[in-house]
Amino acid sequence: MISIRNLFIVVSLCLGHMAGAQVTNSALDTEDAFLCTGSTNYEGGTDLSGLNFGAAGTLAIAPASSAKGVFDSVIMFNLGAGVAQFNATYGTNHWIITGVILSLASNYGVAGVQPNNPIFNVIAGGQFAIEWLSDSNWPEGTGTPNMPTTDGVCYDSLPTLLTPPCEVLCTNTYVPPGDNVRVLWPLPLSTNLVGNITNGGNVSFFFFAVDNQVSYLFNSYKYGRGNEPYLNVVAEPVLRILGGAITNGTFQLIGLGGDGGIYNVQTVTNVATTNWITLASVTASTNGAIQYDDTNAIVPQRYYRLSQ
């Protein structure tokens, strides 16, 4: 908020980082593992629930009714670098998160194909859910499909992993897109997820089947080859007034918002009132710059604010 009478005081306090366009940070996952139960149709064993597969080259989702049993997966990302990037771009805590998108790909992405390792189910479309976990202390482990271990997270770890608070973010429909094709899964901006990301620490997700159809494989970071999981976090600056100037009876208000954002310019002559009047709607430029020229500025005192 700015008033004509106190113009130069406000300007001296508000000048700062000028970047206004959205910034996206792409974080590569740091830990991942699939969790499975095994079945009578897999020669490796009928009970794999206590075994770890944290060093596998892939992650998997399949229901209990599938030929090879349940497959769930967990992924962890560290958002420390992302928060540092946003702070450097906009100023510390002068930004908000406007988008969170998981990016996954697989070298087994064709429906009806049996993956090379017989532990996995034939690829098939269907529904699965993504859940946010408050627990980011699970150990990835070193097990592979051919040499499972007991040194990390496994299916038997679920009671601990799913200890509240946790939150199912969304249910998605997987349609096999073909080999090595990235699929983007936008996540809702829940309070838990946004708060977790904003703190700049580890963020964990749990994937599980919702119907009896899905058999979804996607590469882990260990296999690589361009198919690693990424979490893309989009941020933009917090709406704020940077300053203004009055020339020949026209007051020019300068602000900063999001790329192409639409904002209301509002005014009152008495800041104690709640009866703000909207003068106009303005659209920020591609770098977030906001400008409004008030040709009817009232001297000596008029207060302005920007509203989203």
C-alpha atoms as a PDB file:
ATOM      1  CA  MET A   1       0.000   0.000   0.000  1.00  0.00           C
ATOM      2  CA  ILE A   2       1.256   3.496  -0.779  1.00  0.00           C
ATOM      3  CA  SER A   3       0.014   7.036  -0.106  1.00  0.00           C
ATOM      4  CA  ILE A   4       0.959  10.197  -1.979  1.00  0.00           C
ATOM      5  CA  ARG A   5       1.854  11.991   1.250  1.00  0.00           C
ATOM      6  CA  ASN A   6       4.227   9.215   2.351  1.00  0.00           C
ATOM      7  CA  LEU A   7       5.463   8.363  -1.125  1.00  0.00           C
ATOM      8  CA  PHE A   8       9.215   8.656  -0.621  1.00  0.00           C
ATOM      9  CA  ILE A   9       9.225   6.725   2.683  1.00  0.00           C
ATOM     10  CA  VAL A  10       7.429   3.770   1.069  1.00  0.00           C
ATOM     11  CA  VAL A  11       9.638   3.795  -2.022  1.00  0.00           C
ATOM     12  CA  SER A  12      12.809   3.630   0.054  1.00  0.00           C
ATOM     13  CA  LEU A  13      11.505   0.537   1.872  1.00  0.00           C
ATOM     14  CA  CYS A  14      10.070  -1.372  -1.079  1.00  0.00           C
ATOM     15  CA  LEU A  15      12.758  -1.281  -3.746  1.00  0.00           C
ATOM     16  CA  GLY A  16      14.402  -4.678  -4.191  1.00  0.00           C
ATOM     17  CA  HIS A  17      14.565  -7.639  -6.556  1.00  0.00           C
ATOM     18  CA  MET A  18      12.899  -6.755  -9.860  1.00  0.00           C
ATOM     19  CA  ALA A  19      12.511 -10.200 -11.485  1.00  0.00           C
ATOM     20  CA  GLY A  20       8.846 -10.887 -12.161  1.00  0.00           C
ATOM     21  CA  ALA A  21       8.523 -13.785 -14.570  1.00  0.00           C
ATOM     22  CA  GLN A  22       7.766 -17.274 -13.327  1.00  0.00           C
ATOM     23  CA  VAL A  23      10.755 -19.455 -12.484  1.00  0.00           C
ATOM     24  CA  THR A  24      10.736 -23.258 -12.615  1.00  0.00           C
ATOM     25  CA  ASN A  25      13.089 -25.424 -10.580  1.00  0.00           C
ATOM     26  CA  SER A  26      13.489 -29.024 -11.765  1.00  0.00           C
ATOM     27  CA  ALA A  27      14.614 -31.318  -8.950  1.00  0.00           C
ATOM     28  CA  LEU A  28      15.948 -34.800  -9.717  1.00  0.00           C
ATOM     29  CA  ASP A  29      14.807 -37.374  -7.169  1.00  0.00           C
ATOM     30  CA  THR A  30      17.372 -38.357  -4.559  1.00  0.00           C
ATOM     31  CA  GLU A  31      15.839 -41.596  -3.203  1.00  0.00           C
ATOM     32  CA  ASP A  32      13.350 -44.097  -4.629  1.00  0.00           C
ATOM     33  CA  ALA A  33      12.240 -47.710  -4.335  1.00  0.00           C
ATOM     34  CA  PHE A  34       9.396 -49.997  -5.317  1.00  0.00           C
ATOM     35  CA  LEU A  35       7.601 -52.038  -2.644  1.00  0.00           C
ATOM     36  CA  CYS A  36       6.091 -55.402  -3.555  1.00  0.00           C
ATOM     37  CA  THR A  37       4.419 -58.452  -2.047  1.00  0.00           C
ATOM     38  CA  GLY A  38       5.355 -61.185  -4.523  1.00  0.00           C
ATOM     39  CA  SER A  39       2.943 -63.864  -5.772  1.00  0.00           C
ATOM     40  CA  THR A  40       2.690 -67.525  -6.695  1.00  0.00           C
ATOM     41  CA  ASN A  41       3.158 -66.490 -10.328  1.00  0.00           C
ATOM     42  CA  TYR A  42       6.658 -65.152  -9.747  1.00  0.00           C
ATOM     43  CA  GLU A  43       9.425 -67.685  -9.413  1.00  0.00           C
ATOM     44  CA  GLY A  44      11.468 -65.394  -7.186  1.00  0.00           C
ATOM     45  CA  GLY A  45       9.166 -66.020  -4.226  1.00  0.00           C
ATOM     46  CA  THR A  46       5.625 -65.808  -2.978  1.00  0.00           C
ATOM     47  CA  ASP A  47       6.443 -63.350  -0.179  1.00  0.00           C
ATOM     48  CA  LEU A  48       8.696 -60.397  -1.034  1.00  0.00           C
ATOM     49  CA  SER A  49       7.083 -57.977   1.433  1.00  0.00           C
ATOM     50  CA  GLY A  50      10.120 -57.861   3.712  1.00  0.00           C
ATOM     51  CA  LEU A  51      12.660 -57.345   0.921  1.00  0.00           C
ATOM     52  CA  ASN A  52      14.159 -54.118  -0.369  1.00  0.00           C
ATOM     53  CA  PHE A  53      14.484 -53.071  -4.035  1.00  0.00           C
ATOM     54  CA  GLY A  54      15.938 -49.590  -3.580  1.00  0.00           C
ATOM     55  CA  ALA A  55      18.693 -49.998  -6.170  1.00  0.00           C
ATOM     56  CA  ALA A  56      16.378 -51.158  -8.954  1.00  0.00           C
ATOM     57  CA  GLY A  57      16.393 -49.332 -12.251  1.00  0.00           C
ATOM     58  CA  THR A  58      12.639 -48.866 -12.251  1.00  0.00           C
ATOM     59  CA  LEU A  59       9.619 -48.104 -10.082  1.00  0.00           C
ATOM     60  CA  ALA A  60       6.277 -49.864 -10.408  1.00  0.00           C
ATOM     61  CA  ILE A  61       2.573 -49.613  -9.590  1.00  0.00           C
ATOM     62  CA  ALA A  62       0.193 -52.596  -9.718  1.00  0.00           C
ATOM     63  CA  PRO A  63      -2.800 -53.869  -7.676  1.00  0.00           C
ATOM     64  CA  ALA A  64      -3.091 -56.957  -5.490  1.00  0.00           C
ATOM     65  CA  SER A  65      -5.080 -58.694  -8.232  1.00  0.00           C
ATOM     66  CA  SER A  66      -2.220 -58.463 -10.727  1.00  0.00           C
ATOM     67  CA  ALA A  67      -0.361 -61.618 -11.775  1.00  0.00           C
ATOM     68  CA  LYS A  68       2.812 -60.643  -9.885  1.00  0.00           C
ATOM     69  CA  GLY A  69       1.133 -59.098  -6.828  1.00  0.00           C
ATOM     70  CA  VAL A  70       1.085 -55.595  -5.351  1.00  0.00           C
ATOM     71  CA  PHE A  71       3.601 -52.960  -6.463  1.00  0.00           C
ATOM     72  CA  ASP A  72       3.763 -49.580  -4.738  1.00  0.00           C
ATOM     73  CA  SER A  73       6.539 -47.019  -5.033  1.00  0.00           C
ATOM     74  CA  VAL A  74       8.086 -44.199  -3.009  1.00  0.00           C
ATOM     75  CA  ILE A  75      10.103 -41.238  -4.296  1.00  0.00           C
ATOM     76  CA  MET A  76      11.945 -38.498  -2.443  1.00  0.00           C
ATOM     77  CA  PHE A  77      13.059 -35.089  -3.749  1.00  0.00           C
ATOM     78  CA  ASN A  78      15.174 -32.435  -2.027  1.00  0.00           C
ATOM     79  CA  LEU A  79      13.940 -28.873  -2.620  1.00  0.00           C
ATOM     80  CA  GLY A  80      16.826 -27.020  -0.968  1.00  0.00           C
ATOM     81  CA  ALA A  81      18.275 -25.841  -4.284  1.00  0.00           C
ATOM     82  CA  GLY A  82      14.834 -24.784  -5.511  1.00  0.00           C
ATOM     83  CA  VAL A  83      14.134 -22.601  -2.486  1.00  0.00           C
ATOM     84  CA  ALA A  84      17.610 -21.059  -2.821  1.00  0.00           C
ATOM     85  CA  GLN A  85      16.895 -20.294  -6.483  1.00  0.00           C
ATOM     86  CA  PHE A  86      13.563 -18.644  -5.690  1.00  0.00           C
ATOM     87  CA  ASN A  87      15.092 -16.581  -2.874  1.00  0.00           C
ATOM     88  CA  ALA A  88      17.930 -15.446  -5.136  1.00  0.00           C
ATOM     89  CA  THR A  89      15.495 -14.487  -7.903  1.00  0.00           C
ATOM     90  CA  TYR A  90      12.769 -12.723  -5.924  1.00  0.00           C
ATOM     91  CA  GLY A  91      14.252 -12.059  -2.492  1.00  0.00           C
ATOM     92  CA  THR A  92      13.924 -14.215   0.603  1.00  0.00           C
ATOM     93  CA  ASN A  93      10.298 -15.252   1.173  1.00  0.00           C
ATOM     94  CA  HIS A  94       9.045 -12.866  -1.551  1.00  0.00           C
ATOM     95  CA  TRP A  95       7.644 -15.658  -3.715  1.00  0.00           C
ATOM     96  CA  ILE A  96       4.790 -18.124  -3.851  1.00  0.00           C
ATOM     97  CA  ILE A  97       4.463 -21.572  -5.418  1.00  0.00           C
ATOM     98  CA  THR A  98       2.038 -21.647  -8.339  1.00  0.00           C
ATOM     99  CA  GLY A  99       2.629 -25.121  -9.779  1.00  0.00           C
ATOM    100  CA  VAL A 100       4.028 -28.554  -8.856  1.00  0.00           C
ATOM    101  CA  ILE A 101       4.388 -31.176 -11.598  1.00  0.00           C
ATOM    102  CA  LEU A 102       5.860 -34.682 -11.505  1.00  0.00           C
ATOM    103  CA  SER A 103       7.658 -35.724 -14.687  1.00  0.00           C
ATOM    104  CA  LEU A 104       8.057 -39.486 -15.257  1.00  0.00           C
ATOM    105  CA  ALA A 105       9.234 -41.651 -18.165  1.00  0.00           C
ATOM    106  CA  SER A 106       9.966 -45.303 -18.859  1.00  0.00           C
ATOM    107  CA  ASN A 107      11.806 -47.474 -21.333  1.00  0.00           C
ATOM    108  CA  TYR A 108       8.806 -49.852 -20.923  1.00  0.00           C
ATOM    109  CA  GLY A 109       5.839 -47.725 -21.942  1.00  0.00           C
ATOM    110  CA  VAL A 110       3.933 -49.814 -24.472  1.00  0.00           C
ATOM    111  CA  ALA A 111       0.733 -51.590 -23.416  1.00  0.00           C
ATOM    112  CA  GLY A 112       0.903 -55.381 -23.503  1.00  0.00           C
ATOM    113  CA  VAL A 113       4.702 -55.593 -23.252  1.00  0.00           C
ATOM    114  CA  GLN A 114       6.334 -57.842 -20.633  1.00  0.00           C
ATOM    115  CA  PRO A 115       9.327 -56.053 -19.026  1.00  0.00           C
ATOM    116  CA  ASN A 116      12.653 -57.843 -19.243  1.00  0.00           C
ATOM    117  CA  ASN A 117      12.627 -58.883 -15.589  1.00  0.00           C
ATOM    118  CA  PRO A 118       9.805 -61.394 -14.828  1.00  0.00           C
ATOM    119  CA  ILE A 119       9.173 -59.851 -11.399  1.00  0.00           C
ATOM    120  CA  PHE A 120       7.131 -57.130 -13.127  1.00  0.00           C
ATOM    121  CA  ASN A 121       3.642 -57.278 -14.627  1.00  0.00           C
ATOM    122  CA  VAL A 122       2.774 -56.736 -18.281  1.00  0.00           C
ATOM    123  CA  ILE A 123       2.376 -52.993 -18.989  1.00  0.00           C
ATOM    124  CA  ALA A 124      -1.260 -51.839 -18.817  1.00  0.00           C
ATOM    125  CA  GLY A 125      -3.219 -48.633 -18.395  1.00  0.00           C
ATOM    126  CA  GLY A 126      -5.388 -47.829 -15.401  1.00  0.00           C
ATOM    127  CA  GLN A 127      -5.744 -45.604 -12.366  1.00  0.00           C
ATOM    128  CA  PHE A 128      -3.251 -44.854  -9.626  1.00  0.00           C
ATOM    129  CA  ALA A 129      -2.969 -42.344  -6.782  1.00  0.00           C
ATOM    130  CA  ILE A 130      -0.187 -40.053  -5.590  1.00  0.00           C
ATOM    131  CA  GLU A 131       0.028 -39.441  -1.852  1.00  0.00           C
ATOM    132  CA  TRP A 132       2.131 -36.896   0.028  1.00  0.00           C
ATOM    133  CA  LEU A 133       4.061 -38.330   2.965  1.00  0.00           C
ATOM    134  CA  SER A 134       5.268 -36.431   5.993  1.00  0.00           C
ATOM    135  CA  ASP A 135       7.851 -39.184   6.558  1.00  0.00           C
ATOM    136  CA  SER A 136      11.008 -38.473   4.532  1.00  0.00           C
ATOM    137  CA  ASN A 137      13.358 -40.503   6.711  1.00  0.00           C
ATOM    138  CA  TRP A 138      12.924 -43.863   4.995  1.00  0.00           C
ATOM    139  CA  PRO A 139      16.144 -45.588   3.841  1.00  0.00           C
ATOM    140  CA  GLU A 140      16.365 -46.285   0.125  1.00  0.00           C
ATOM    141  CA  GLY A 141      18.370 -49.526   0.488  1.00  0.00           C
ATOM    142  CA  THR A 142      20.566 -51.389  -1.982  1.00  0.00           C
ATOM    143  CA  GLY A 143      18.368 -54.248  -3.214  1.00  0.00           C
ATOM    144  CA  THR A 144      17.783 -55.092  -6.870  1.00  0.00           C
ATOM    145  CA  PRO A 145      15.225 -57.468  -8.448  1.00  0.00           C
ATOM    146  CA  ASN A 146      17.947 -60.082  -8.893  1.00  0.00           C
ATOM    147  CA  MET A 147      19.561 -59.476  -5.502  1.00  0.00           C
ATOM    148  CA  PRO A 148      17.063 -58.061  -2.988  1.00  0.00           C
ATOM    149  CA  THR A 149      18.304 -56.985   0.443  1.00  0.00           C
ATOM    150  CA  THR A 150      16.836 -56.135   3.831  1.00  0.00           C
ATOM    151  CA  ASP A 151      18.671 -52.840   4.397  1.00  0.00           C
ATOM    152  CA  GLY A 152      15.988 -50.418   3.238  1.00  0.00           C
ATOM    153  CA  VAL A 153      12.331 -49.561   2.768  1.00  0.00           C
ATOM    154  CA  CYS A 154      10.026 -52.438   1.827  1.00  0.00           C
ATOM    155  CA  TYR A 155       6.321 -53.301   1.627  1.00  0.00           C
ATOM    156  CA  ASP A 156       6.308 -54.106   5.354  1.00  0.00           C
ATOM    157  CA  SER A 157       7.385 -50.475   5.978  1.00  0.00           C
ATOM    158  CA  LEU A 158       3.988 -49.116   4.925  1.00  0.00           C
ATOM    159  CA  PRO A 159       2.484 -48.790   8.436  1.00  0.00           C
ATOM    160  CA  THR A 160       5.334 -46.413   9.302  1.00  0.00           C
ATOM    161  CA  LEU A 161       5.372 -44.593   5.960  1.00  0.00           C
ATOM    162  CA  LEU A 162       1.640 -43.938   6.116  1.00  0.00           C
ATOM    163  CA  THR A 163       1.610 -42.622   9.678  1.00  0.00           C
ATOM    164  CA  PRO A 164      -0.330 -39.317   9.672  1.00  0.00           C
ATOM    165  CA  PRO A 165      -0.041 -36.654   8.599  1.00  0.00           C
ATOM    166  CA  CYS A 166      -0.200 -37.872   5.019  1.00  0.00           C
ATOM    167  CA  GLU A 167      -2.509 -36.833   2.201  1.00  0.00           C
ATOM    168  CA  VAL A 168      -3.745 -38.388  -1.029  1.00  0.00           C
ATOM    169  CA  LEU A 169      -3.176 -35.591  -3.537  1.00  0.00           C
ATOM    170  CA  CYS A 170      -4.818 -36.955  -6.674  1.00  0.00           C
ATOM    171  CA  THR A 171      -5.993 -39.965  -8.652  1.00  0.00           C
ATOM    172  CA  ASN A 172      -4.680 -40.225 -12.209  1.00  0.00           C
ATOM    173  CA  THR A 173      -5.383 -42.321 -15.274  1.00  0.00           C
ATOM    174  CA  TYR A 174      -2.281 -43.854 -16.841  1.00  0.00           C
ATOM    175  CA  VAL A 175      -2.370 -44.488 -20.575  1.00  0.00           C
ATOM    176  CA  PRO A 176       0.877 -46.119 -21.763  1.00  0.00           C
ATOM    177  CA  PRO A 177       2.437 -43.410 -23.998  1.00  0.00           C
ATOM    178  CA  GLY A 178       5.209 -45.477 -25.611  1.00  0.00           C
ATOM    179  CA  ASP A 179       8.825 -46.041 -24.699  1.00  0.00           C
ATOM    180  CA  ASN A 180      10.902 -43.104 -23.417  1.00  0.00           C
ATOM    181  CA  VAL A 181       7.997 -40.643 -23.493  1.00  0.00           C
ATOM    182  CA  ARG A 182       7.648 -38.268 -20.545  1.00  0.00           C
ATOM    183  CA  VAL A 183       4.286 -37.978 -18.820  1.00  0.00           C
ATOM    184  CA  LEU A 184       3.530 -34.911 -16.691  1.00  0.00           C
ATOM    185  CA  TRP A 185       1.379 -35.306 -13.574  1.00  0.00           C
ATOM    186  CA  PRO A 186       0.273 -31.897 -12.120  1.00  0.00           C
ATOM    187  CA  LEU A 187      -0.262 -31.997  -8.358  1.00  0.00           C
ATOM    188  CA  PRO A 188      -2.784 -29.907  -6.406  1.00  0.00           C
ATOM    189  CA  LEU A 189      -1.293 -27.148  -4.278  1.00  0.00           C
ATOM    190  CA  SER A 190      -2.338 -28.558  -0.922  1.00  0.00           C
ATOM    191  CA  THR A 191      -1.268 -26.824   2.275  1.00  0.00           C
ATOM    192  CA  ASN A 192       0.842 -29.827   3.293  1.00  0.00           C
ATOM    193  CA  LEU A 193       2.675 -30.063  -0.015  1.00  0.00           C
ATOM    194  CA  VAL A 194       3.302 -26.332  -0.442  1.00  0.00           C
ATOM    195  CA  GLY A 195       4.480 -25.972   3.161  1.00  0.00           C
ATOM    196  CA  ASN A 196       6.821 -28.925   2.793  1.00  0.00           C
ATOM    197  CA  ILE A 197       8.351 -27.546  -0.425  1.00  0.00           C
ATOM    198  CA  THR A 198       8.639 -24.003   0.955  1.00  0.00           C
ATOM    199  CA  ASN A 199      10.688 -25.295   3.891  1.00  0.00           C
ATOM    200  CA  GLY A 200      13.321 -26.455   1.412  1.00  0.00           C
ATOM    201  CA  GLY A 201      13.812 -29.967   2.750  1.00  0.00           C
ATOM    202  CA  ASN A 202      12.937 -33.453   1.540  1.00  0.00           C
ATOM    203  CA  VAL A 203       9.535 -34.143  -0.031  1.00  0.00           C
ATOM    204  CA  SER A 204       8.255 -37.726  -0.340  1.00  0.00           C
ATOM    205  CA  PHE A 205       5.471 -39.249  -2.445  1.00  0.00           C
ATOM    206  CA  PHE A 206       3.796 -42.662  -2.333  1.00  0.00           C
ATOM    207  CA  PHE A 207       2.281 -44.246  -5.473  1.00  0.00           C
ATOM    208  CA  PHE A 208      -0.336 -46.998  -5.368  1.00  0.00           C
ATOM    209  CA  ALA A 209      -2.911 -48.654  -7.650  1.00  0.00           C
ATOM    210  CA  VAL A 210      -6.539 -47.515  -7.484  1.00  0.00           C
ATOM    211  CA  ASP A 211      -8.087 -50.081  -9.855  1.00  0.00           C
ATOM    212  CA  ASN A 212      -7.319 -53.691 -10.825  1.00  0.00           C
ATOM    213  CA  GLN A 213      -6.020 -52.746 -14.286  1.00  0.00           C
ATOM    214  CA  VAL A 214      -2.959 -50.554 -13.942  1.00  0.00           C
ATOM    215  CA  SER A 215       0.601 -51.804 -14.396  1.00  0.00           C
ATOM    216  CA  TYR A 216       2.789 -48.703 -14.609  1.00  0.00           C
ATOM    217  CA  LEU A 217       6.593 -48.829 -14.770  1.00  0.00           C
ATOM    218  CA  PHE A 218       8.754 -45.707 -14.778  1.00  0.00           C
ATOM    219  CA  ASN A 219      12.508 -45.349 -14.499  1.00  0.00           C
ATOM    220  CA  SER A 220      14.314 -44.597 -11.259  1.00  0.00           C
ATOM    221  CA  TYR A 221      17.186 -42.142 -11.155  1.00  0.00           C
ATOM    222  CA  LYS A 222      19.681 -45.028 -11.071  1.00  0.00           C
ATOM    223  CA  TYR A 223      18.821 -46.299 -14.523  1.00  0.00           C
ATOM    224  CA  GLY A 224      18.955 -42.772 -15.900  1.00  0.00           C
ATOM    225  CA  ARG A 225      19.254 -42.538 -19.680  1.00  0.00           C
ATOM    226  CA  GLY A 226      17.127 -39.397 -19.733  1.00  0.00           C
ATOM    227  CA  ASN A 227      14.132 -40.980 -18.017  1.00  0.00           C
ATOM    228  CA  GLU A 228      14.860 -39.968 -14.417  1.00  0.00           C
ATOM    229  CA  PRO A 229      11.962 -38.683 -12.266  1.00  0.00           C
ATOM    230  CA  TYR A 230      11.822 -34.912 -11.843  1.00  0.00           C
ATOM    231  CA  LEU A 231       9.702 -32.636  -9.683  1.00  0.00           C
ATOM    232  CA  ASN A 232       9.104 -29.305 -11.424  1.00  0.00           C
ATOM    233  CA  VAL A 233       8.177 -26.513  -9.004  1.00  0.00           C
ATOM    234  CA  VAL A 234       6.978 -23.184 -10.418  1.00  0.00           C
ATOM    235  CA  ALA A 235       7.217 -19.977  -8.385  1.00  0.00           C
ATOM    236  CA  GLU A 236       6.383 -16.336  -8.987  1.00  0.00           C
ATOM    237  CA  PRO A 237       6.911 -13.176  -6.917  1.00  0.00           C
ATOM    238  CA  VAL A 238       4.532 -12.133  -4.178  1.00  0.00           C
ATOM    239  CA  LEU A 239       2.419  -9.203  -5.338  1.00  0.00           C
ATOM    240  CA  ARG A 240       3.913  -5.956  -4.033  1.00  0.00           C
ATOM    241  CA  ILE A 241       4.185  -2.225  -4.658  1.00  0.00           C
ATOM    242  CA  LEU A 242       7.677  -1.046  -5.556  1.00  0.00           C
ATOM    243  CA  GLY A 243       7.067   2.683  -5.644  1.00  0.00           C
ATOM    244  CA  GLY A 244       5.525   5.551  -7.550  1.00  0.00           C
ATOM    245  CA  ALA A 245       5.842   9.165  -8.663  1.00  0.00           C
ATOM    246  CA  ILE A 246       3.467  12.099  -9.170  1.00  0.00           C
ATOM    247  CA  THR A 247       3.963  14.413 -12.140  1.00  0.00           C
ATOM    248  CA  ASN A 248       1.597  17.198 -13.268  1.00  0.00           C
ATOM    249  CA  GLY A 249      -1.273  15.751 -11.251  1.00  0.00           C
ATOM    250  CA  THR A 250      -0.801  12.167 -12.506  1.00  0.00           C
ATOM    251  CA  PHE A 251       0.308   9.521 -10.069  1.00  0.00           C
ATOM    252  CA  GLN A 252       2.158   6.535 -11.557  1.00  0.00           C
ATOM    253  CA  LEU A 253       2.047   3.373  -9.456  1.00  0.00           C
ATOM    254  CA  ILE A 254       4.742   0.742 -10.031  1.00  0.00           C
ATOM    255  CA  GLY A 255       4.355  -2.827  -8.767  1.00  0.00           C
ATOM    256  CA  LEU A 256       5.565  -6.379  -9.244  1.00  0.00           C
ATOM    257  CA  GLY A 257       3.475  -9.493  -9.715  1.00  0.00           C
ATOM    258  CA  GLY A 258       3.373 -12.681 -11.724  1.00  0.00           C
ATOM    259  CA  ASP A 259       4.028 -13.008 -15.435  1.00  0.00           C
ATOM    260  CA  GLY A 260       0.824 -11.854 -17.180  1.00  0.00           C
ATOM    261  CA  GLY A 261      -1.135 -11.692 -13.903  1.00  0.00           C
ATOM    262  CA  ILE A 262      -4.266  -9.544 -13.668  1.00  0.00           C
ATOM    263  CA  TYR A 263      -4.561  -7.252 -10.636  1.00  0.00           C
ATOM    264  CA  ASN A 264      -6.912  -4.588  -9.299  1.00  0.00           C
ATOM    265  CA  VAL A 265      -5.658  -1.103  -8.423  1.00  0.00           C
ATOM    266  CA  GLN A 266      -7.657   0.110  -5.432  1.00  0.00           C
ATOM    267  CA  THR A 267      -7.720   3.378  -3.490  1.00  0.00           C
ATOM    268  CA  VAL A 268      -9.093   5.172  -0.404  1.00  0.00           C
ATOM    269  CA  THR A 269      -8.441   8.589   1.122  1.00  0.00           C
ATOM    270  CA  ASN A 270      -8.575   7.239   4.674  1.00  0.00           C
ATOM    271  CA  VAL A 271      -6.529   4.112   5.367  1.00  0.00           C
ATOM    272  CA  ALA A 272      -8.684   3.272   8.406  1.00  0.00           C
ATOM    273  CA  THR A 273     -11.687   2.537   6.198  1.00  0.00           C
ATOM    274  CA  THR A 274     -12.435  -0.831   4.593  1.00  0.00           C
ATOM    275  CA  ASN A 275     -14.296   0.739   1.687  1.00  0.00           C
ATOM    276  CA  TRP A 276     -11.586   0.400  -0.965  1.00  0.00           C
ATOM    277  CA  ILE A 277     -12.587   1.566  -4.454  1.00  0.00           C
ATOM    278  CA  THR A 278     -11.292  -0.293  -7.537  1.00  0.00           C
ATOM    279  CA  LEU A 279      -9.900   2.162 -10.066  1.00  0.00           C
ATOM    280  CA  ALA A 280      -8.913  -0.317 -12.768  1.00  0.00           C
ATOM    281  CA  SER A 281      -7.647  -3.811 -13.570  1.00  0.00           C
ATOM    282  CA  VAL A 282      -4.121  -4.020 -14.938  1.00  0.00           C
ATOM    283  CA  THR A 283      -2.196  -6.868 -16.544  1.00  0.00           C
ATOM    284  CA  ALA A 284       1.418  -7.429 -15.602  1.00  0.00           C
ATOM    285  CA  SER A 285       3.975  -7.625 -18.389  1.00  0.00           C
ATOM    286  CA  THR A 286       5.909 -10.756 -19.287  1.00  0.00           C
ATOM    287  CA  ASN A 287       8.492  -9.870 -16.619  1.00  0.00           C
ATOM    288  CA  GLY A 288       5.831  -9.188 -13.985  1.00  0.00           C
ATOM    289  CA  ALA A 289       5.987  -5.374 -14.114  1.00  0.00           C
ATOM    290  CA  ILE A 290       2.778  -3.550 -13.139  1.00  0.00           C
ATOM    291  CA  GLN A 291       2.111   0.107 -14.008  1.00  0.00           C
ATOM    292  CA  TYR A 292      -0.955   2.276 -13.476  1.00  0.00           C
ATOM    293  CA  ASP A 293      -1.337   5.993 -14.158  1.00  0.00           C
ATOM    294  CA  ASP A 294      -3.955   7.746 -12.016  1.00  0.00           C
ATOM    295  CA  THR A 295      -4.841  11.028 -13.701  1.00  0.00           C
ATOM    296  CA  ASN A 296      -7.231  11.942 -10.871  1.00  0.00           C
ATOM    297  CA  ALA A 297      -4.803  11.669  -7.979  1.00  0.00           C
ATOM    298  CA  ILE A 298      -6.058  13.512  -4.891  1.00  0.00           C
ATOM    299  CA  VAL A 299      -3.542  15.641  -3.004  1.00  0.00           C
ATOM    300  CA  PRO A 300      -2.420  15.719  -0.270  1.00  0.00           C
ATOM    301  CA  GLN A 301      -3.451  12.167   0.601  1.00  0.00           C
ATOM    302  CA  ARG A 302      -4.630   9.099  -1.261  1.00  0.00           C
ATOM    303  CA  TYR A 303      -3.780   5.483  -0.482  1.00  0.00           C
ATOM    304  CA  TYR A 304      -3.246   2.773  -3.087  1.00  0.00           C
ATOM    305  CA  ARG A 305      -3.050  -0.983  -2.981  1.00  0.00           C
ATOM    306  CA  LEU A 306      -2.822  -3.846  -5.463  1.00  0.00           C
ATOM    307  CA  SER A 307      -5.228  -6.742  -5.110  1.00  0.00           C
ATOM    308  CA  GLN A 308      -5.159 -10.149  -6.747  1.00  0.00           C
END
